[in-house]
PDB file of N, CA and C in Angstrom:
ATOM      1  N   MET A   1       9.468  13.856   8.984  1.00  0.00           N
ATOM      2  CA  MET A   1       9.768  14.837   8.023  1.00  0.00           C
ATOM      3  C   MET A   1       9.887  15.889   8.128  1.00  0.00           C
ATOM      4  N   ASN A   2       9.743  17.178   7.781  1.00  0.00           N
ATOM      5  CA  ASN A   2      10.929  18.425   8.717  1.00  0.00           C
ATOM      6  C   ASN A   2      10.197  19.250   9.417  1.00  0.00           C
ATOM      7  N   GLY A   3       8.949  18.279  10.007  1.00  0.00           N
ATOM      8  CA  GLY A   3       8.523  19.523  11.780  1.00  0.00           C
ATOM      9  C   GLY A   3       7.320  20.119  10.677  1.00  0.00           C
ATOM     10  N   ARG A   4       6.583  19.992   9.546  1.00  0.00           N
ATOM     11  CA  ARG A   4       5.303  20.756   8.854  1.00  0.00           C
ATOM     12  C   ARG A   4       4.560  19.757   9.289  1.00  0.00           C
ATOM     13  N   ASP A   5       3.145  20.137   9.377  1.00  0.00           N
ATOM     14  CA  ASP A   5       1.830  18.949   9.461  1.00  0.00           C
ATOM     15  C   ASP A   5       1.745  18.906   8.474  1.00  0.00           C
ATOM     16  N   TYR A   6       1.670  18.009   8.071  1.00  0.00           N
ATOM     17  CA  TYR A   6       1.019  17.278   5.855  1.00  0.00           C
ATOM     18  C   TYR A   6      -0.451  16.692   6.101  1.00  0.00           C
ATOM     19  N   THR A   7      -0.923  17.292   7.616  1.00  0.00           N
ATOM     20  CA  THR A   7      -2.442  16.287   7.649  1.00  0.00           C
ATOM     21  C   THR A   7      -3.344  17.000   6.937  1.00  0.00           C
ATOM     22  N   ILE A   8      -4.144  16.358   5.910  1.00  0.00           N
ATOM     23  CA  ILE A   8      -5.050  16.709   5.530  1.00  0.00           C
ATOM     24  C   ILE A   8      -6.464  17.495   6.404  1.00  0.00           C
ATOM     25  N   LYS A   9      -7.015  18.527   5.791  1.00  0.00           N
ATOM     26  CA  LYS A   9      -8.426  18.711   6.907  1.00  0.00           C
ATOM     27  C   LYS A   9      -9.471  18.884   5.542  1.00  0.00           C
ATOM     28  N   PHE A  10     -10.602  18.004   5.707  1.00  0.00           N
ATOM     29  CA  PHE A  10     -11.792  18.207   4.574  1.00  0.00           C
ATOM     30  C   PHE A  10     -12.714  18.107   5.552  1.00  0.00           C
ATOM     31  N   ASN A  11     -13.823  18.820   4.843  1.00  0.00           N
ATOM     32  CA  ASN A  11     -15.529  18.529   5.254  1.00  0.00           C
ATOM     33  C   ASN A  11     -16.288  17.139   4.914  1.00  0.00           C
ATOM     34  N   GLY A  12     -16.997  16.896   4.885  1.00  0.00           N
ATOM     35  CA  GLY A  12     -17.721  15.722   4.620  1.00  0.00           C
ATOM     36  C   GLY A  12     -17.948  15.032   3.144  1.00  0.00           C
ATOM     37  N   LEU A  13     -18.547  16.333   2.399  1.00  0.00           N
ATOM     38  CA  LEU A  13     -18.571  16.291   0.928  1.00  0.00           C
ATOM     39  C   LEU A  13     -16.886  16.428  -0.133  1.00  0.00           C
ATOM     40  N   GLU A  14     -16.530  17.268   0.922  1.00  0.00           N
ATOM     41  CA  GLU A  14     -15.047  16.849   0.092  1.00  0.00           C
ATOM     42  C   GLU A  14     -14.241  15.945   0.037  1.00  0.00           C
ATOM     43  N   LEU A  15     -14.463  15.008   1.715  1.00  0.00           N
ATOM     44  CA  LEU A  15     -13.842  13.703   1.688  1.00  0.00           C
ATOM     45  C   LEU A  15     -14.516  12.825   0.414  1.00  0.00           C
ATOM     46  N   GLY A  16     -15.539  13.040   0.288  1.00  0.00           N
ATOM     47  CA  GLY A  16     -16.126  11.509  -0.360  1.00  0.00           C
ATOM     48  C   GLY A  16     -15.895  11.915  -1.863  1.00  0.00           C
ATOM     49  N   VAL A  17     -15.461  12.981  -2.479  1.00  0.00           N
ATOM     50  CA  VAL A  17     -15.412  13.798  -3.903  1.00  0.00           C
ATOM     51  C   VAL A  17     -13.874  13.109  -4.152  1.00  0.00           C
ATOM     52  N   LEU A  18     -13.088  13.731  -3.103  1.00  0.00           N
ATOM     53  CA  LEU A  18     -11.768  13.134  -3.233  1.00  0.00           C
ATOM     54  C   LEU A  18     -11.250  12.091  -3.216  1.00  0.00           C
ATOM     55  N   THR A  19     -12.368  10.838  -2.202  1.00  0.00           N
ATOM     56  CA  THR A  19     -11.829   9.770  -2.341  1.00  0.00           C
ATOM     57  C   THR A  19     -12.798   9.218  -3.944  1.00  0.00           C
ATOM     58  N   GLY A  20     -13.534   9.588  -4.257  1.00  0.00           N
ATOM     59  CA  GLY A  20     -14.205   8.994  -5.501  1.00  0.00           C
ATOM     60  C   GLY A  20     -13.157   9.266  -6.611  1.00  0.00           C
ATOM     61  N   VAL A  21     -12.260  10.476  -6.721  1.00  0.00           N
ATOM     62  CA  VAL A  21     -11.539  10.987  -7.341  1.00  0.00           C
ATOM     63  C   VAL A  21     -10.298  10.058  -7.647  1.00  0.00           C
ATOM     64  N   ILE A  22      -9.893   9.840  -6.506  1.00  0.00           N
ATOM     65  CA  ILE A  22      -8.468   8.227  -6.244  1.00  0.00           C
ATOM     66  C   ILE A  22      -8.907   7.183  -6.920  1.00  0.00           C
ATOM     67  N   MET A  23     -10.317   7.033  -6.160  1.00  0.00           N
ATOM     68  CA  MET A  23     -10.803   5.493  -6.869  1.00  0.00           C
ATOM     69  C   MET A  23     -11.083   5.564  -8.449  1.00  0.00           C
ATOM     70  N   GLN A  24     -11.221   6.577  -8.984  1.00  0.00           N
ATOM     71  CA  GLN A  24     -11.267   6.107 -10.449  1.00  0.00           C
ATOM     72  C   GLN A  24      -9.754   6.678 -11.281  1.00  0.00           C
ATOM     73  N   LEU A  25      -8.837   7.234 -10.439  1.00  0.00           N
ATOM     74  CA  LEU A  25      -7.892   6.893 -10.923  1.00  0.00           C
ATOM     75  C   LEU A  25      -6.507   5.506 -11.344  1.00  0.00           C
ATOM     76  N   ASP A  26      -5.695   6.313 -12.673  1.00  0.00           N
ATOM     77  CA  ASP A  26      -4.939   4.814 -12.690  1.00  0.00           C
ATOM     78  C   ASP A  26      -4.077   4.056 -11.554  1.00  0.00           C
ATOM     79  N   ASP A  27      -3.720   2.938 -11.471  1.00  0.00           N
ATOM     80  CA  ASP A  27      -3.046   2.389 -10.203  1.00  0.00           C
ATOM     81  C   ASP A  27      -1.453   3.458 -10.259  1.00  0.00           C
ATOM     82  N   ARG A  28      -0.771   3.712 -11.133  1.00  0.00           N
ATOM     83  CA  ARG A  28       0.083   4.280 -10.817  1.00  0.00           C
ATOM     84  C   ARG A  28      -0.047   6.146 -10.134  1.00  0.00           C
ATOM     85  N   THR A  29      -1.126   5.928 -10.308  1.00  0.00           N
ATOM     86  CA  THR A  29      -1.421   7.750 -10.045  1.00  0.00           C
ATOM     87  C   THR A  29      -1.777   7.909  -9.191  1.00  0.00           C
ATOM     88  N   GLN A  30      -2.587   6.323  -8.651  1.00  0.00           N
ATOM     89  CA  GLN A  30      -3.223   5.500  -6.866  1.00  0.00           C
ATOM     90  C   GLN A  30      -1.941   5.586  -5.873  1.00  0.00           C
ATOM     91  N   GLN A  31      -0.937   5.005  -6.465  1.00  0.00           N
ATOM     92  CA  GLN A  31       0.126   4.786  -5.789  1.00  0.00           C
ATOM     93  C   GLN A  31       1.073   6.011  -4.975  1.00  0.00           C
ATOM     94  N   ALA A  32       0.603   6.774  -6.003  1.00  0.00           N
ATOM     95  CA  ALA A  32       1.732   7.908  -5.997  1.00  0.00           C
ATOM     96  C   ALA A  32       0.620   9.091  -4.928  1.00  0.00           C
ATOM     97  N   LEU A  33      -0.664   8.948  -4.654  1.00  0.00           N
ATOM     98  CA  LEU A  33      -1.364   9.476  -3.673  1.00  0.00           C
ATOM     99  C   LEU A  33      -1.848   8.504  -2.540  1.00  0.00           C
ATOM    100  N   LYS A  34      -0.813   7.311  -1.876  1.00  0.00           N
ATOM    101  CA  LYS A  34      -1.647   6.482  -1.134  1.00  0.00           C
ATOM    102  C   LYS A  34      -1.576   7.098  -0.262  1.00  0.00           C
ATOM    103  N   SER A  35      -0.371   8.428   0.540  1.00  0.00           N
ATOM    104  CA  SER A  35      -0.534   8.405   2.119  1.00  0.00           C
ATOM    105  C   SER A  35      -1.583   9.301   2.207  1.00  0.00           C
ATOM    106  N   VAL A  36      -1.972  10.363   0.609  1.00  0.00           N
ATOM    107  CA  VAL A  36      -3.592  11.021   1.033  1.00  0.00           C
ATOM    108  C   VAL A  36      -4.520  10.056   1.102  1.00  0.00           C
ATOM    109  N   TRP A  37      -4.215   8.684   0.139  1.00  0.00           N
ATOM    110  CA  TRP A  37      -5.769   8.117   0.268  1.00  0.00           C
ATOM    111  C   TRP A  37      -5.718   7.135   2.137  1.00  0.00           C
ATOM    112  N   GLU A  38      -4.420   6.957   2.293  1.00  0.00           N
ATOM    113  CA  GLU A  38      -4.708   6.152   3.784  1.00  0.00           C
ATOM    114  C   GLU A  38      -5.556   7.207   4.868  1.00  0.00           C
ATOM    115  N   GLN A  39      -4.690   8.497   4.948  1.00  0.00           N
ATOM    116  CA  GLN A  39      -5.550   9.595   5.333  1.00  0.00           C
ATOM    117  C   GLN A  39      -7.216   9.722   5.144  1.00  0.00           C
ATOM    118  N   LEU A  40      -7.785   9.435   4.040  1.00  0.00           N
ATOM    119  CA  LEU A  40      -9.553   9.972   3.743  1.00  0.00           C
ATOM    120  C   LEU A  40      -9.580   8.657   4.141  1.00  0.00           C
ATOM    121  N   ILE A  41      -9.834   7.324   4.140  1.00  0.00           N
ATOM    122  CA  ILE A  41      -9.614   6.362   4.546  1.00  0.00           C
ATOM    123  C   ILE A  41      -9.884   6.471   6.062  1.00  0.00           C
ATOM    124  N   ALA A  42      -8.644   6.896   6.951  1.00  0.00           N
ATOM    125  CA  ALA A  42      -9.023   7.389   8.252  1.00  0.00           C
ATOM    126  C   ALA A  42     -10.139   8.219   9.047  1.00  0.00           C
ATOM    127  N   LEU A  43     -10.258   9.444   7.878  1.00  0.00           N
ATOM    128  CA  LEU A  43     -11.288  10.162   7.750  1.00  0.00           C
ATOM    129  C   LEU A  43     -12.363   9.632   8.477  1.00  0.00           C
ATOM    130  N   LYS A  44     -12.660   9.119   7.677  1.00  0.00           N
ATOM    131  CA  LYS A  44     -13.795   8.215   6.826  1.00  0.00           C
ATOM    132  C   LYS A  44     -14.341   7.194   7.724  1.00  0.00           C
ATOM    133  N   LYS A  45     -13.230   6.635   8.729  1.00  0.00           N
ATOM    134  CA  LYS A  45     -13.560   5.552   9.683  1.00  0.00           C
ATOM    135  C   LYS A  45     -13.660   6.178  10.932  1.00  0.00           C
ATOM    136  N   GLN A  46     -13.089   7.488  10.999  1.00  0.00           N
ATOM    137  CA  GLN A  46     -13.389   8.669  12.196  1.00  0.00           C
ATOM    138  C   GLN A  46     -15.366   9.271  12.299  1.00  0.00           C
ATOM    139  N   ALA A  47     -15.252   9.350  10.678  1.00  0.00           N
ATOM    140  CA  ALA A  47     -16.464   9.920  10.889  1.00  0.00           C
ATOM    141  C   ALA A  47     -17.447   9.024  10.844  1.00  0.00           C
ATOM    142  N   GLU A  48     -17.468   7.805  10.896  1.00  0.00           N
ATOM    143  CA  GLU A  48     -18.459   6.750  10.594  1.00  0.00           C
ATOM    144  C   GLU A  48     -18.601   5.771  11.872  1.00  0.00           C
ATOM    145  N   GLU A  49     -17.401   6.299  12.697  1.00  0.00           N
ATOM    146  CA  GLU A  49     -17.496   5.452  14.663  1.00  0.00           C
ATOM    147  C   GLU A  49     -18.265   6.689  15.020  1.00  0.00           C
ATOM    148  N   GLU A  50     -18.110   8.159  14.689  1.00  0.00           N
ATOM    149  CA  GLU A  50     -18.900   9.267  15.817  1.00  0.00           C
ATOM    150  C   GLU A  50     -19.998   9.354  15.311  1.00  0.00           C
ATOM    151  N   ALA A  51     -20.326   8.701  13.984  1.00  0.00           N
ATOM    152  CA  ALA A  51     -22.013   8.466  14.027  1.00  0.00           C
ATOM    153  C   ALA A  51     -22.292   7.572  14.500  1.00  0.00           C
ATOM    154  N   GLY A  52     -21.584   6.494  14.916  1.00  0.00           N
ATOM    155  CA  GLY A  52     -22.423   5.040  15.086  1.00  0.00           C
ATOM    156  C   GLY A  52     -22.519   4.034  14.234  1.00  0.00           C
ATOM    157  N   VAL A  53     -22.024   4.259  13.127  1.00  0.00           N
ATOM    158  CA  VAL A  53     -22.147   3.154  11.550  1.00  0.00           C
ATOM    159  C   VAL A  53     -22.029   2.265  12.336  1.00  0.00           C
ATOM    160  N   LYS A  54     -23.129   1.246  11.519  1.00  0.00           N
ATOM    161  CA  LYS A  54     -22.965  -0.276  12.004  1.00  0.00           C
ATOM    162  C   LYS A  54     -22.823  -0.950  10.523  1.00  0.00           C
ATOM    163  N   LYS A  55     -21.362  -1.745  10.090  1.00  0.00           N
ATOM    164  CA  LYS A  55     -21.724  -2.282   8.739  1.00  0.00           C
ATOM    165  C   LYS A  55     -22.198  -3.799   9.185  1.00  0.00           C
ATOM    166  N   GLU A  56     -23.321  -4.002   8.254  1.00  0.00           N
ATOM    167  CA  GLU A  56     -23.389  -5.676   8.136  1.00  0.00           C
ATOM    168  C   GLU A  56     -23.606  -5.690   6.250  1.00  0.00           C
ATOM    169  N   ILE A  57     -22.870  -7.104   5.626  1.00  0.00           N
ATOM    170  CA  ILE A  57     -22.946  -7.494   4.300  1.00  0.00           C
ATOM    171  C   ILE A  57     -23.967  -8.671   4.338  1.00  0.00           C
ATOM    172  N   ILE A  58     -25.161  -8.021   3.528  1.00  0.00           N
ATOM    173  CA  ILE A  58     -26.302  -8.506   3.243  1.00  0.00           C
ATOM    174  C   ILE A  58     -26.599  -9.365   2.540  1.00  0.00           C
ATOM    175  N   PRO A  59     -28.219 -10.595   2.315  1.00  0.00           N
ATOM    176  CA  PRO A  59     -28.165 -11.204   0.988  1.00  0.00           C
ATOM    177  C   PRO A  59     -27.632 -10.692  -0.386  1.00  0.00           C
ATOM    178  N   GLY A  60     -27.001 -10.863  -0.926  1.00  0.00           N
ATOM    179  CA  GLY A  60     -26.530 -10.856  -2.858  1.00  0.00           C
ATOM    180  C   GLY A  60     -25.451 -10.040  -2.600  1.00  0.00           C
ATOM    181  N   GLY A  61     -24.730 -10.264  -1.725  1.00  0.00           N
ATOM    182  CA  GLY A  61     -23.501  -9.244  -1.256  1.00  0.00           C
ATOM    183  C   GLY A  61     -23.406  -7.860  -1.608  1.00  0.00           C
ATOM    184  N   LEU A  62     -24.590  -7.274  -0.716  1.00  0.00           N
ATOM    185  CA  LEU A  62     -24.503  -5.880  -0.073  1.00  0.00           C
ATOM    186  C   LEU A  62     -24.176  -5.170   0.633  1.00  0.00           C
ATOM    187  N   LEU A  63     -24.202  -4.242   0.904  1.00  0.00           N
ATOM    188  CA  LEU A  63     -23.325  -3.579   2.278  1.00  0.00           C
ATOM    189  C   LEU A  63     -25.108  -2.935   3.068  1.00  0.00           C
ATOM    190  N   LYS A  64     -25.111  -3.353   4.369  1.00  0.00           N
ATOM    191  CA  LYS A  64     -26.214  -2.581   4.919  1.00  0.00           C
ATOM    192  C   LYS A  64     -25.716  -1.791   6.170  1.00  0.00           C
ATOM    193  N   LEU A  65     -25.618  -0.025   6.023  1.00  0.00           N
ATOM    194  CA  LEU A  65     -25.009   0.748   6.854  1.00  0.00           C
ATOM    195  C   LEU A  65     -26.251   1.381   7.684  1.00  0.00           C
ATOM    196  N   THR A  66     -26.343   1.180   8.842  1.00  0.00           N
ATOM    197  CA  THR A  66     -27.032   1.863   9.637  1.00  0.00           C
ATOM    198  C   THR A  66     -26.314   2.838  11.379  1.00  0.00           C
ATOM    199  N   ASP A  67     -26.950   3.962  11.158  1.00  0.00           N
ATOM    200  CA  ASP A  67     -26.590   4.766  12.226  1.00  0.00           C
ATOM    201  C   ASP A  67     -26.695   4.726  13.761  1.00  0.00           C
ATOM    202  N   LYS A  68     -26.589   5.413  14.151  1.00  0.00           N
ATOM    203  CA  LYS A  68     -27.119   5.414  15.364  1.00  0.00           C
ATOM    204  C   LYS A  68     -28.729   5.938  16.056  1.00  0.00           C
ATOM    205  N   TYR A  69     -28.964   6.477  14.735  1.00  0.00           N
ATOM    206  CA  TYR A  69     -30.513   7.162  14.659  1.00  0.00           C
ATOM    207  C   TYR A  69     -31.659   6.017  13.979  1.00  0.00           C
ATOM    208  N   GLY A  70     -30.555   4.921  13.221  1.00  0.00           N
ATOM    209  CA  GLY A  70     -31.221   4.284  12.816  1.00  0.00           C
ATOM    210  C   GLY A  70     -31.676   3.999  10.904  1.00  0.00           C
ATOM    211  N   ASN A  71     -31.119   5.165  10.958  1.00  0.00           N
ATOM    212  CA  ASN A  71     -30.555   5.437   9.617  1.00  0.00           C
ATOM    213  C   ASN A  71     -30.199   4.524   8.960  1.00  0.00           C
ATOM    214  N   GLU A  72     -31.003   4.117   7.025  1.00  0.00           N
ATOM    215  CA  GLU A  72     -30.138   2.735   6.799  1.00  0.00           C
ATOM    216  C   GLU A  72     -30.269   3.372   4.914  1.00  0.00           C
ATOM    217  N   ILE A  73     -28.723   2.741   5.187  1.00  0.00           N
ATOM    218  CA  ILE A  73     -28.539   2.897   3.693  1.00  0.00           C
ATOM    219  C   ILE A  73     -27.958   1.377   2.772  1.00  0.00           C
ATOM    220  N   ILE A  74     -28.164   1.089   2.066  1.00  0.00           N
ATOM    221  CA  ILE A  74     -28.001  -0.443   1.114  1.00  0.00           C
ATOM    222  C   ILE A  74     -27.320  -0.182  -0.164  1.00  0.00           C
ATOM    223  N   ARG A  75     -25.773  -0.519  -0.222  1.00  0.00           N
ATOM    224  CA  ARG A  75     -25.904  -0.105  -1.544  1.00  0.00           C
ATOM    225  C   ARG A  75     -24.068  -1.707  -2.156  1.00  0.00           C
ATOM    226  N   GLU A  76     -23.694  -1.396  -2.805  1.00  0.00           N
ATOM    227  CA  GLU A  76     -22.679  -2.575  -3.045  1.00  0.00           C
ATOM    228  C   GLU A  76     -21.502  -1.710  -2.216  1.00  0.00           C
ATOM    229  N   PRO A  77     -20.407  -2.482  -1.893  1.00  0.00           N
ATOM    230  CA  PRO A  77     -19.589  -1.928  -0.992  1.00  0.00           C
ATOM    231  C   PRO A  77     -18.302  -1.746  -2.300  1.00  0.00           C
ATOM    232  N   TYR A  78     -17.845  -0.201  -1.765  1.00  0.00           N
ATOM    233  CA  TYR A  78     -16.545  -0.111  -2.280  1.00  0.00           C
ATOM    234  C   TYR A  78     -15.839  -1.139  -2.452  1.00  0.00           C
ATOM    235  N   PRO A  79     -14.477  -1.652  -3.084  1.00  0.00           N
ATOM    236  CA  PRO A  79     -13.621  -2.679  -3.051  1.00  0.00           C
ATOM    237  C   PRO A  79     -12.799  -2.652  -1.905  1.00  0.00           C
ATOM    238  N   PHE A  80     -12.214  -1.245  -1.456  1.00  0.00           N
ATOM    239  CA  PHE A  80     -11.831  -1.114  -0.026  1.00  0.00           C
ATOM    240  C   PHE A  80     -12.506  -1.705   1.262  1.00  0.00           C
ATOM    241  N   GLU A  81     -13.838  -1.598   0.640  1.00  0.00           N
ATOM    242  CA  GLU A  81     -14.665  -1.740   2.302  1.00  0.00           C
ATOM    243  C   GLU A  81     -14.647  -3.155   2.458  1.00  0.00           C
ATOM    244  N   ILE A  82     -14.314  -4.032   1.204  1.00  0.00           N
ATOM    245  CA  ILE A  82     -14.694  -5.473   1.423  1.00  0.00           C
ATOM    246  C   ILE A  82     -13.261  -5.857   1.695  1.00  0.00           C
ATOM    247  N   GLU A  83     -12.111  -5.395   1.639  1.00  0.00           N
ATOM    248  CA  GLU A  83     -10.698  -5.703   2.237  1.00  0.00           C
ATOM    249  C   GLU A  83     -10.132  -5.754   3.204  1.00  0.00           C
ATOM    250  N   GLY A  84     -10.681  -5.421   4.097  1.00  0.00           N
ATOM    251  CA  GLY A  84     -11.018  -5.204   5.407  1.00  0.00           C
ATOM    252  C   GLY A  84     -10.599  -3.885   6.012  1.00  0.00           C
ATOM    253  N   ASN A  85     -11.035  -2.835   5.635  1.00  0.00           N
ATOM    254  CA  ASN A  85     -11.517  -1.719   5.806  1.00  0.00           C
ATOM    255  C   ASN A  85     -12.368  -1.176   6.320  1.00  0.00           C
TER     256      ASN A  85
END
């Protein structure tokens, strides 16, 4: 690029909201925001790593997330989570 920093910076809530908004957009608009999406997913992975999150697919196709303190969340996985992300 031209020497400018185009990295996005968000807190956890903003990250989640923007990720959800992009997921609901049509394919053409999602493609236009692909670089933003990639940064959001990278930030999500970094936050999960820092929190010591472990992911496991459990019976019924649900995703079990456990952090380093033992807190658990069980939910349906998002499409990008089952595509190797």
